[in-house]
C-alpha atoms as a PDB file:
ATOM      1  CA  MET A   1     -15.027  -7.677 -72.939  1.00  0.00           C
ATOM      2  CA  ASP A   2     -13.737  -9.991 -70.259  1.00  0.00           C
ATOM      3  CA  SER A   3     -15.163 -13.280 -69.054  1.00  0.00           C
ATOM      4  CA  VAL A   4     -15.954 -11.871 -65.595  1.00  0.00           C
ATOM      5  CA  THR A   5     -18.322  -9.289 -67.119  1.00  0.00           C
ATOM      6  CA  LEU A   6     -19.944 -11.948 -69.306  1.00  0.00           C
ATOM      7  CA  ASP A   7     -20.393 -14.184 -66.269  1.00  0.00           C
ATOM      8  CA  ARG A   8     -21.962 -11.292 -64.348  1.00  0.00           C
ATOM      9  CA  LEU A   9     -24.348 -10.549 -67.243  1.00  0.00           C
ATOM     10  CA  ALA A  10     -25.333 -14.214 -67.569  1.00  0.00           C
ATOM     11  CA  ASN A  11     -25.895 -14.443 -63.796  1.00  0.00           C
ATOM     12  CA  LEU A  12     -27.980 -11.259 -63.904  1.00  0.00           C
ATOM     13  CA  ALA A  13     -30.140 -12.730 -66.671  1.00  0.00           C
ATOM     14  CA  GLU A  14     -30.642 -16.002 -64.817  1.00  0.00           C
ATOM     15  CA  SER A  15     -31.369 -14.267 -61.499  1.00  0.00           C
ATOM     16  CA  THR A  16     -34.111 -12.038 -62.930  1.00  0.00           C
ATOM     17  CA  LEU A  17     -36.069 -14.871 -64.538  1.00  0.00           C
ATOM     18  CA  PRO A  18     -38.865 -15.036 -65.515  1.00  0.00           C
ATOM     19  CA  PHE A  19     -38.334 -11.383 -66.504  1.00  0.00           C
ATOM     20  CA  GLU A  20     -35.900  -9.936 -69.005  1.00  0.00           C
ATOM     21  CA  SER A  21     -32.873  -8.323 -67.419  1.00  0.00           C
ATOM     22  CA  CYS A  22     -31.200  -5.135 -68.617  1.00  0.00           C
ATOM     23  CA  ALA A  23     -28.010  -3.155 -68.062  1.00  0.00           C
ATOM     24  CA  LEU A  24     -25.915  -0.483 -69.700  1.00  0.00           C
ATOM     25  CA  LEU A  25     -22.398  -1.378 -70.770  1.00  0.00           C
ATOM     26  CA  LEU A  26     -19.781   1.219 -69.887  1.00  0.00           C
ATOM     27  CA  GLY A  27     -16.403   1.523 -71.500  1.00  0.00           C
ATOM     28  CA  GLU A  28     -14.260   3.250 -74.045  1.00  0.00           C
ATOM     29  CA  GLU A  29     -14.601   3.570 -77.791  1.00  0.00           C
ATOM     30  CA  MET A  30     -11.331   3.460 -79.706  1.00  0.00           C
ATOM     31  CA  HIS A  31     -10.887   3.029 -83.463  1.00  0.00           C
ATOM     32  CA  ASN A  32     -14.464   1.711 -83.973  1.00  0.00           C
ATOM     33  CA  ASN A  33     -13.931  -0.834 -81.180  1.00  0.00           C
ATOM     34  CA  ARG A  34     -15.762  -0.672 -77.894  1.00  0.00           C
ATOM     35  CA  ASN A  35     -13.945  -1.926 -74.845  1.00  0.00           C
ATOM     36  CA  ILE A  36     -16.525  -2.809 -72.191  1.00  0.00           C
ATOM     37  CA  LEU A  37     -15.092  -2.214 -68.736  1.00  0.00           C
ATOM     38  CA  GLU A  38     -18.122  -2.113 -66.464  1.00  0.00           C
ATOM     39  CA  MET A  39     -21.853  -2.769 -66.364  1.00  0.00           C
ATOM     40  CA  PHE A  40     -24.565  -0.686 -64.754  1.00  0.00           C
ATOM     41  CA  VAL A  41     -27.521  -2.903 -63.825  1.00  0.00           C
ATOM     42  CA  LEU A  42     -30.962  -1.448 -64.504  1.00  0.00           C
ATOM     43  CA  THR A  43     -34.417  -2.515 -63.377  1.00  0.00           C
ATOM     44  CA  ASN A  44     -36.772  -3.801 -66.056  1.00  0.00           C
ATOM     45  CA  HIS A  45     -39.596  -1.319 -65.589  1.00  0.00           C
ATOM     46  CA  ASP A  46     -41.903  -3.567 -67.683  1.00  0.00           C
ATOM     47  CA  ARG A  47     -41.409  -6.535 -65.313  1.00  0.00           C
ATOM     48  CA  SER A  48     -42.037  -8.713 -68.354  1.00  0.00           C
ATOM     49  CA  PRO A  49     -40.558 -11.964 -69.690  1.00  0.00           C
ATOM     50  CA  ILE A  50     -40.733 -10.640 -73.284  1.00  0.00           C
ATOM     51  CA  SER A  51     -40.016  -6.914 -72.999  1.00  0.00           C
ATOM     52  CA  PHE A  52     -37.916  -4.400 -71.123  1.00  0.00           C
ATOM     53  CA  SER A  53     -37.957  -0.675 -70.541  1.00  0.00           C
ATOM     54  CA  VAL A  54     -35.904   1.548 -68.277  1.00  0.00           C
ATOM     55  CA  ASP A  55     -37.172   4.221 -65.901  1.00  0.00           C
ATOM     56  CA  PRO A  56     -35.813   7.643 -67.004  1.00  0.00           C
ATOM     57  CA  ASP A  57     -34.478   8.315 -63.478  1.00  0.00           C
ATOM     58  CA  ASP A  58     -32.483   5.057 -63.580  1.00  0.00           C
ATOM     59  CA  LEU A  59     -31.131   5.994 -66.999  1.00  0.00           C
ATOM     60  CA  PHE A  60     -30.091   9.410 -65.697  1.00  0.00           C
ATOM     61  CA  CYS A  61     -28.256   7.777 -62.758  1.00  0.00           C
ATOM     62  CA  ALA A  62     -26.432   5.449 -65.152  1.00  0.00           C
ATOM     63  CA  TYR A  63     -25.265   8.328 -67.352  1.00  0.00           C
ATOM     64  CA  GLU A  64     -24.174  10.309 -64.293  1.00  0.00           C
ATOM     65  CA  HIS A  65     -22.240   7.302 -62.977  1.00  0.00           C
ATOM     66  CA  ALA A  66     -20.517   6.831 -66.345  1.00  0.00           C
ATOM     67  CA  ARG A  67     -19.611  10.527 -66.476  1.00  0.00           C
ATOM     68  CA  LYS A  68     -18.178  10.472 -62.938  1.00  0.00           C
ATOM     69  CA  ILE A  69     -15.902   7.516 -63.658  1.00  0.00           C
ATOM     70  CA  GLY A  70     -14.896   8.805 -67.086  1.00  0.00           C
ATOM     71  CA  LEU A  71     -16.490   6.083 -69.210  1.00  0.00           C
ATOM     72  CA  ASP A  72     -18.962   6.177 -72.096  1.00  0.00           C
ATOM     73  CA  ILE A  73     -22.167   4.216 -72.563  1.00  0.00           C
ATOM     74  CA  VAL A  74     -21.013   1.827 -75.284  1.00  0.00           C
ATOM     75  CA  GLY A  75     -23.775  -0.765 -75.217  1.00  0.00           C
ATOM     76  CA  ILE A  76     -27.130  -1.967 -74.014  1.00  0.00           C
ATOM     77  CA  PHE A  77     -27.532  -5.448 -72.573  1.00  0.00           C
ATOM     78  CA  HIS A  78     -30.715  -7.398 -72.077  1.00  0.00           C
ATOM     79  CA  SER A  79     -31.819 -11.011 -71.957  1.00  0.00           C
ATOM     80  CA  HIS A  80     -34.323 -12.983 -73.982  1.00  0.00           C
ATOM     81  CA  PRO A  81     -36.152 -16.186 -73.037  1.00  0.00           C
ATOM     82  CA  SER A  82     -35.588 -17.232 -76.665  1.00  0.00           C
ATOM     83  CA  MET A  83     -32.655 -17.132 -79.067  1.00  0.00           C
ATOM     84  CA  PRO A  84     -30.393 -14.064 -78.796  1.00  0.00           C
ATOM     85  CA  ARG A  85     -31.827 -12.088 -81.710  1.00  0.00           C
ATOM     86  CA  PRO A  86     -33.363  -8.599 -81.672  1.00  0.00           C
ATOM     87  CA  SER A  87     -37.149  -8.442 -81.401  1.00  0.00           C
ATOM     88  CA  ARG A  88     -39.201  -5.952 -83.435  1.00  0.00           C
ATOM     89  CA  LYS A  89     -39.284  -3.670 -80.395  1.00  0.00           C
ATOM     90  CA  ASP A  90     -35.500  -4.007 -79.999  1.00  0.00           C
ATOM     91  CA  ILE A  91     -34.987  -3.026 -83.644  1.00  0.00           C
ATOM     92  CA  LYS A  92     -37.196   0.041 -83.197  1.00  0.00           C
ATOM     93  CA  PHE A  93     -35.100   1.195 -80.237  1.00  0.00           C
ATOM     94  CA  MET A  94     -31.828   0.179 -81.910  1.00  0.00           C
ATOM     95  CA  GLN A  95     -32.592   2.798 -84.554  1.00  0.00           C
ATOM     96  CA  LEU A  96     -32.698   5.447 -81.794  1.00  0.00           C
ATOM     97  CA  ASN A  97     -29.714   4.066 -79.836  1.00  0.00           C
ATOM     98  CA  GLN A  98     -27.125   3.133 -82.432  1.00  0.00           C
ATOM     99  CA  ILE A  99     -24.712   1.478 -80.037  1.00  0.00           C
ATOM    100  CA  VAL A 100     -23.977  -2.201 -79.433  1.00  0.00           C
ATOM    101  CA  TRP A 101     -26.961  -4.245 -78.265  1.00  0.00           C
ATOM    102  CA  LEU A 102     -25.798  -7.367 -76.449  1.00  0.00           C
ATOM    103  CA  ILE A 103     -28.461 -10.042 -76.017  1.00  0.00           C
ATOM    104  CA  TYR A 104     -28.177 -13.110 -73.816  1.00  0.00           C
ATOM    105  CA  SER A 105     -30.430 -16.107 -74.356  1.00  0.00           C
ATOM    106  CA  THR A 106     -31.653 -17.775 -71.176  1.00  0.00           C
ATOM    107  CA  LEU A 107     -32.741 -20.613 -73.486  1.00  0.00           C
ATOM    108  CA  SER A 108     -29.423 -21.420 -75.206  1.00  0.00           C
ATOM    109  CA  HIS A 109     -27.110 -19.624 -72.720  1.00  0.00           C
ATOM    110  CA  THR A 110     -25.374 -17.738 -75.524  1.00  0.00           C
ATOM    111  CA  PHE A 111     -24.649 -14.092 -76.308  1.00  0.00           C
ATOM    112  CA  SER A 112     -25.018 -12.211 -79.592  1.00  0.00           C
ATOM    113  CA  ALA A 113     -24.214  -8.571 -80.324  1.00  0.00           C
ATOM    114  CA  PHE A 114     -25.907  -6.283 -82.845  1.00  0.00           C
ATOM    115  CA  MET A 115     -25.866  -2.700 -84.096  1.00  0.00           C
ATOM    116  CA  TYR A 116     -28.221  -0.741 -86.303  1.00  0.00           C
ATOM    117  CA  SER A 117     -26.768   1.232 -89.202  1.00  0.00           C
ATOM    118  CA  GLY A 118     -29.519   1.413 -91.802  1.00  0.00           C
ATOM    119  CA  MET A 119     -30.202  -2.242 -90.983  1.00  0.00           C
ATOM    120  CA  VAL A 120     -29.533  -4.658 -88.141  1.00  0.00           C
ATOM    121  CA  MET A 121     -26.034  -6.087 -88.309  1.00  0.00           C
ATOM    122  CA  GLN A 122     -24.506  -8.713 -86.095  1.00  0.00           C
ATOM    123  CA  VAL A 123     -21.149  -7.558 -84.755  1.00  0.00           C
ATOM    124  CA  HIS A 124     -18.144  -9.532 -83.643  1.00  0.00           C
ATOM    125  CA  MET A 125     -17.615  -9.631 -79.916  1.00  0.00           C
ATOM    126  CA  GLY A 126     -14.023 -10.194 -78.907  1.00  0.00           C
ATOM    127  CA  LEU A 127     -13.167 -11.705 -75.571  1.00  0.00           C
ATOM    128  CA  ILE A 128     -10.241 -10.503 -73.529  1.00  0.00           C
ATOM    129  CA  LYS A 129      -8.454 -13.673 -72.522  1.00  0.00           C
ATOM    130  CA  ASP A 130      -7.960 -14.288 -68.834  1.00  0.00           C
ATOM    131  CA  GLU A 131      -4.314 -15.258 -68.339  1.00  0.00           C
ATOM    132  CA  GLY A 132      -4.209 -16.864 -71.785  1.00  0.00           C
ATOM    133  CA  VAL A 133      -7.178 -19.181 -71.212  1.00  0.00           C
ATOM    134  CA  ARG A 134     -10.121 -19.055 -73.609  1.00  0.00           C
ATOM    135  CA  HIS A 135     -13.380 -18.756 -71.695  1.00  0.00           C
ATOM    136  CA  PRO A 136     -16.474 -20.733 -72.807  1.00  0.00           C
ATOM    137  CA  TRP A 137     -18.363 -17.467 -73.411  1.00  0.00           C
ATOM    138  CA  GLY A 138     -15.935 -16.801 -76.245  1.00  0.00           C
ATOM    139  CA  ILE A 139     -18.161 -18.899 -78.470  1.00  0.00           C
ATOM    140  CA  ILE A 140     -20.759 -16.532 -79.842  1.00  0.00           C
ATOM    141  CA  GLN A 141     -24.106 -17.709 -81.197  1.00  0.00           C
ATOM    142  CA  PRO A 142     -24.230 -17.075 -84.974  1.00  0.00           C
ATOM    143  CA  LEU A 143     -27.133 -15.182 -86.498  1.00  0.00           C
END
């Protein structure tokens, strides 16, 4: 993932306050690594500060967009007004959508990434360096 995408996700989260924001992460999966190349912003159908859901029509549009540009859905992004850890509801849906779940905390301004494979596991999120400079988002909040 590059710093521009992380900046865009953080800005999305801050701009949708007090509600949670959400987006699908599009990219390529190679050798168990997911390279995130684009984001597809979704509307939080719940309009809630502690929950998100996506309208099925919006989800369909996102999958169609990904198909047209030749990318896969490799992750789900959303924000929390607390620390970037999966909620009980997130864990329930992580079991159905076993892809990367990237959570941004509007409280600590940090990202954490998780996957479900029999249990919730935090995953390492690598940052593509911009012209050799390490971006501040490269510091990931530990679990």
